[in-house]
Amino acid sequence: MDRNASILIDGRPLNEEEKVVYLLNKPKNVISSVKDEKGRTTVIDLVDVPYRIYPLGRLDFDSSGLLLLSNDGELMQKLLHPRFEVDKTYQVTIDGLIREDEVQTLCDGVVIDDRITAPAKVKLIRQNPNKYTSFLEVTIHEGRNRQVRKMFAAVGYSVIRLHRIAEAGLTLGNLKSGEYRRLRPHEVVSLKRCLDRGDR
């Protein structure tokens, strides 16, 4: 028998783990990591599945919302590489009543960490003069460290709440905080098609 031969099941080697993708609605105060040296709760602690999966990207400890987890290394590389320009949409509550010209400045790009941000989609949804807050929706395709928070800081505002509601065409749907689900086959296909556009 050829020692290099392998047994295939459904086209995959017997010892190759099935590729899966899960979507989690990450709560605040949870680490987007496999483990944490400080003993804090990680996203892996929330997901009970029979696969060794990893978070695809990051969502800050003090942020919440959509986070993908998978054992597909190729998918992870594409989601994290800036060339693929994966859209991520956030609901953002800030301290203060932002002006329309400041919203436009965020759309055009601001300097953070000595580099200007790529053009973004920023929409003012509503303001609460009594609480002195503004609620906005922000879509970016960069993945710089704490980017949305730094963008608002650049125009003089602090973020009170940051919640990701969409990424690469996927949305949270009815998932409650801490809940997760496996992506359906057609969703995985759509996700990969979205990423394949960045290869062109």
Protein backbone atom coordinates (compact mmCIF):
# COMPACT_ATOMS: atom_id res chain seq x y z
CA MET A 1 0.00 0.00 0.00
CA ASP A 2 1.26 3.49 -0.90
CA ARG A 3 2.30 5.21 2.35
CA ASN A 4 1.42 8.57 0.78
CA ALA A 5 -2.12 7.48 -0.01
CA SER A 6 -4.96 8.88 2.08
CA ILE A 7 -8.49 7.76 2.77
CA LEU A 8 -11.07 10.27 1.58
CA ILE A 9 -14.55 10.78 3.01
CA ASP A 10 -16.74 13.23 1.07
CA GLY A 11 -13.58 14.37 -0.71
CA ARG A 12 -11.64 15.14 2.50
CA PRO A 13 -8.81 13.15 4.09
CA LEU A 14 -10.05 11.07 7.00
CA ASN A 15 -7.98 13.02 9.54
CA GLU A 16 -8.87 16.46 8.17
CA GLU A 17 -11.37 18.33 10.33
CA GLU A 18 -14.51 19.61 8.65
CA LYS A 19 -14.31 23.35 7.95
CA VAL A 20 -16.98 25.27 9.88
CA VAL A 21 -17.90 28.89 10.55
CA TYR A 22 -19.89 30.15 13.54
CA LEU A 23 -21.43 33.54 14.18
CA LEU A 24 -21.45 34.81 17.77
CA ASN A 25 -23.13 37.83 19.32
CA LYS A 26 -20.25 38.71 21.64
CA PRO A 27 -21.20 40.39 24.92
CA LYS A 28 -19.16 43.20 26.42
CA ASN A 29 -16.31 42.28 28.78
CA VAL A 30 -15.40 39.12 26.86
CA ILE A 31 -11.99 38.63 25.23
CA SER A 32 -11.80 37.88 21.49
CA SER A 33 -9.19 35.20 22.03
CA VAL A 34 -8.79 31.48 22.65
CA LYS A 35 -7.45 32.03 26.16
CA ASP A 36 -6.55 34.91 28.46
CA GLU A 37 -3.64 35.04 30.89
CA LYS A 38 -5.72 37.16 33.27
CA GLY A 39 -8.42 34.52 33.51
CA ARG A 40 -11.11 36.61 31.86
CA THR A 41 -13.94 35.03 29.88
CA THR A 42 -13.06 34.43 26.22
CA VAL A 43 -15.32 33.93 23.22
CA ILE A 44 -14.28 30.27 23.15
CA ASP A 45 -15.73 29.88 26.66
CA LEU A 46 -19.13 30.86 25.24
CA VAL A 47 -19.16 28.44 22.30
CA ASP A 48 -19.69 24.72 22.95
CA VAL A 49 -18.91 23.00 19.64
CA PRO A 50 -17.00 19.81 18.67
CA TYR A 51 -14.38 21.72 16.67
CA ARG A 52 -11.19 23.63 17.49
CA ILE A 53 -12.23 27.07 16.29
CA TYR A 54 -10.66 30.51 16.53
CA PRO A 55 -12.03 34.06 16.36
CA LEU A 56 -11.70 35.56 12.86
CA GLY A 57 -10.46 38.99 13.85
CA ARG A 58 -11.07 40.95 17.00
CA LEU A 59 -13.80 42.82 18.81
CA ASP A 60 -12.62 44.92 21.73
CA PHE A 61 -13.17 43.75 25.31
CA ASP A 62 -15.55 46.69 25.89
CA SER A 63 -17.38 46.25 22.57
CA SER A 64 -20.13 43.81 21.61
CA GLY A 65 -21.73 42.26 18.57
CA LEU A 66 -20.98 40.09 15.57
CA LEU A 67 -17.84 37.97 15.67
CA LEU A 68 -17.04 35.06 13.36
CA LEU A 69 -15.23 31.94 14.57
CA SER A 70 -13.84 29.18 12.39
CA ASN A 71 -11.20 26.50 11.89
CA ASP A 72 -10.64 27.64 8.28
CA GLY A 73 -7.20 29.26 8.13
CA GLU A 74 -7.59 30.51 4.56
CA LEU A 75 -10.84 32.21 5.44
CA MET A 76 -9.18 33.86 8.44
CA GLN A 77 -6.34 35.24 6.32
CA LYS A 78 -8.74 36.80 3.83
CA LEU A 79 -10.97 38.33 6.50
CA LEU A 80 -7.99 39.94 8.20
CA HIS A 81 -6.08 41.13 5.12
CA PRO A 82 -6.79 44.81 4.27
CA ARG A 83 -6.68 44.03 0.53
CA PHE A 84 -10.07 42.33 0.76
CA GLU A 85 -11.79 45.45 2.16
CA VAL A 86 -14.41 43.57 4.18
CA ASP A 87 -17.21 45.90 5.28
CA LYS A 88 -17.99 45.97 9.01
CA THR A 89 -20.96 47.96 10.34
CA TYR A 90 -21.30 49.28 13.89
CA GLN A 91 -23.94 50.98 15.98
CA VAL A 92 -22.17 53.69 17.95
CA THR A 93 -23.34 55.81 20.86
CA ILE A 94 -21.11 58.78 21.68
CA ASP A 95 -20.95 61.33 24.46
CA GLY A 96 -21.99 64.65 22.89
CA LEU A 97 -24.11 66.10 20.10
CA ILE A 98 -22.06 65.65 16.95
CA ARG A 99 -22.38 68.17 14.11
CA GLU A 100 -23.05 67.29 10.47
CA ASP A 101 -19.70 68.74 9.38
CA GLU A 102 -17.95 66.46 11.89
CA VAL A 103 -19.87 63.48 10.50
CA GLN A 104 -18.63 64.44 7.03
CA THR A 105 -15.06 64.67 8.35
CA LEU A 106 -15.36 61.08 9.61
CA CYS A 107 -16.66 60.01 6.20
CA ASP A 108 -13.74 61.67 4.41
CA GLY A 109 -11.08 60.29 6.75
CA VAL A 110 -9.27 61.39 9.90
CA VAL A 111 -5.71 60.90 11.08
CA ILE A 112 -5.24 58.20 13.71
CA ASP A 113 -1.88 56.70 14.66
CA ASP A 114 -0.19 59.04 12.13
CA ARG A 115 -2.21 57.67 9.20
CA ILE A 116 -5.44 58.85 7.62
CA THR A 117 -8.35 56.42 7.66
CA ALA A 118 -9.96 55.20 4.46
CA PRO A 119 -13.30 56.77 3.49
CA ALA A 120 -16.11 55.48 5.72
CA LYS A 121 -19.88 55.51 5.73
CA VAL A 122 -21.12 57.41 8.78
CA LYS A 123 -24.81 58.13 9.32
CA LEU A 124 -26.28 60.11 12.19
CA ILE A 125 -29.40 58.23 13.31
CA ARG A 126 -30.60 60.37 16.23
CA GLN A 127 -29.53 62.59 19.09
CA ASN A 128 -30.71 62.87 22.68
CA PRO A 129 -30.19 66.42 23.96
CA ASN A 130 -31.36 65.42 27.46
CA LYS A 131 -28.70 62.72 27.79
CA TYR A 132 -26.29 64.68 25.58
CA THR A 133 -25.60 61.68 23.34
CA SER A 134 -25.63 60.87 19.63
CA PHE A 135 -26.40 57.52 17.99
CA LEU A 136 -24.75 56.71 14.67
CA GLU A 137 -24.17 53.87 12.23
CA VAL A 138 -20.62 53.46 10.94
CA THR A 139 -19.33 51.18 8.17
CA ILE A 140 -15.58 50.72 7.66
CA HIS A 141 -13.46 48.19 5.79
CA GLU A 142 -10.19 48.66 7.64
CA GLY A 143 -9.30 46.65 10.71
CA ARG A 144 -7.00 48.98 12.61
CA ASN A 145 -6.74 48.69 16.39
CA ARG A 146 -9.72 50.34 18.11
CA GLN A 147 -10.33 52.24 14.90
CA VAL A 148 -13.90 53.44 15.43
CA ARG A 149 -13.15 54.71 18.93
CA LYS A 150 -10.05 56.52 17.68
CA MET A 151 -11.98 58.05 14.76
CA PHE A 152 -14.48 59.67 17.11
CA ALA A 153 -11.72 60.74 19.47
CA ALA A 154 -10.09 62.51 16.50
CA VAL A 155 -13.13 64.79 16.20
CA GLY A 156 -13.50 65.25 19.96
CA TYR A 157 -15.97 62.59 21.10
CA SER A 158 -15.75 59.51 23.32
CA VAL A 159 -17.60 56.30 22.50
CA ILE A 160 -20.05 55.07 25.14
CA ARG A 161 -21.22 51.96 23.31
CA LEU A 162 -19.89 50.11 20.27
CA HIS A 163 -21.86 47.22 18.82
CA ARG A 164 -21.05 45.45 15.54
CA ILE A 165 -24.17 44.44 13.65
CA ALA A 166 -22.79 43.27 10.29
CA GLU A 167 -19.65 41.95 8.62
CA ALA A 168 -19.01 40.74 5.06
CA GLY A 169 -22.73 40.69 4.29
CA LEU A 170 -23.64 38.73 7.43
CA THR A 171 -25.87 40.16 10.17
CA LEU A 172 -26.72 39.23 13.75
CA GLY A 173 -30.38 38.63 12.98
CA ASN A 174 -32.25 37.59 16.13
CA LEU A 175 -29.20 36.34 18.05
CA LYS A 176 -29.23 37.59 21.62
CA SER A 177 -26.09 38.59 23.49
CA GLY A 178 -23.97 35.49 24.11
CA GLU A 179 -25.84 33.35 21.58
CA TYR A 180 -24.22 31.77 18.54
CA ARG A 181 -25.10 29.67 15.52
CA ARG A 182 -23.34 27.79 12.75
CA LEU A 183 -23.45 29.46 9.36
CA ARG A 184 -25.63 27.70 6.83
CA PRO A 185 -23.93 26.32 3.68
CA HIS A 186 -25.30 29.10 1.45
CA GLU A 187 -24.05 31.73 3.91
CA VAL A 188 -20.54 30.27 3.80
CA VAL A 189 -20.69 30.32 0.00
CA SER A 190 -21.80 33.97 0.02
CA LEU A 191 -19.07 34.87 2.52
CA LYS A 192 -16.38 33.26 0.37
CA ARG A 193 -17.71 34.97 -2.76
CA CYS A 194 -17.53 38.30 -0.95
CA LEU A 195 -13.90 37.61 -0.06
CA ASP A 196 -13.03 36.28 -3.52
CA ARG A 197 -13.83 39.70 -4.98
CA GLY A 198 -10.73 40.97 -3.20
CA ASP A 199 -8.58 38.52 -5.20
CA ARG A 200 -9.39 40.28 -8.46
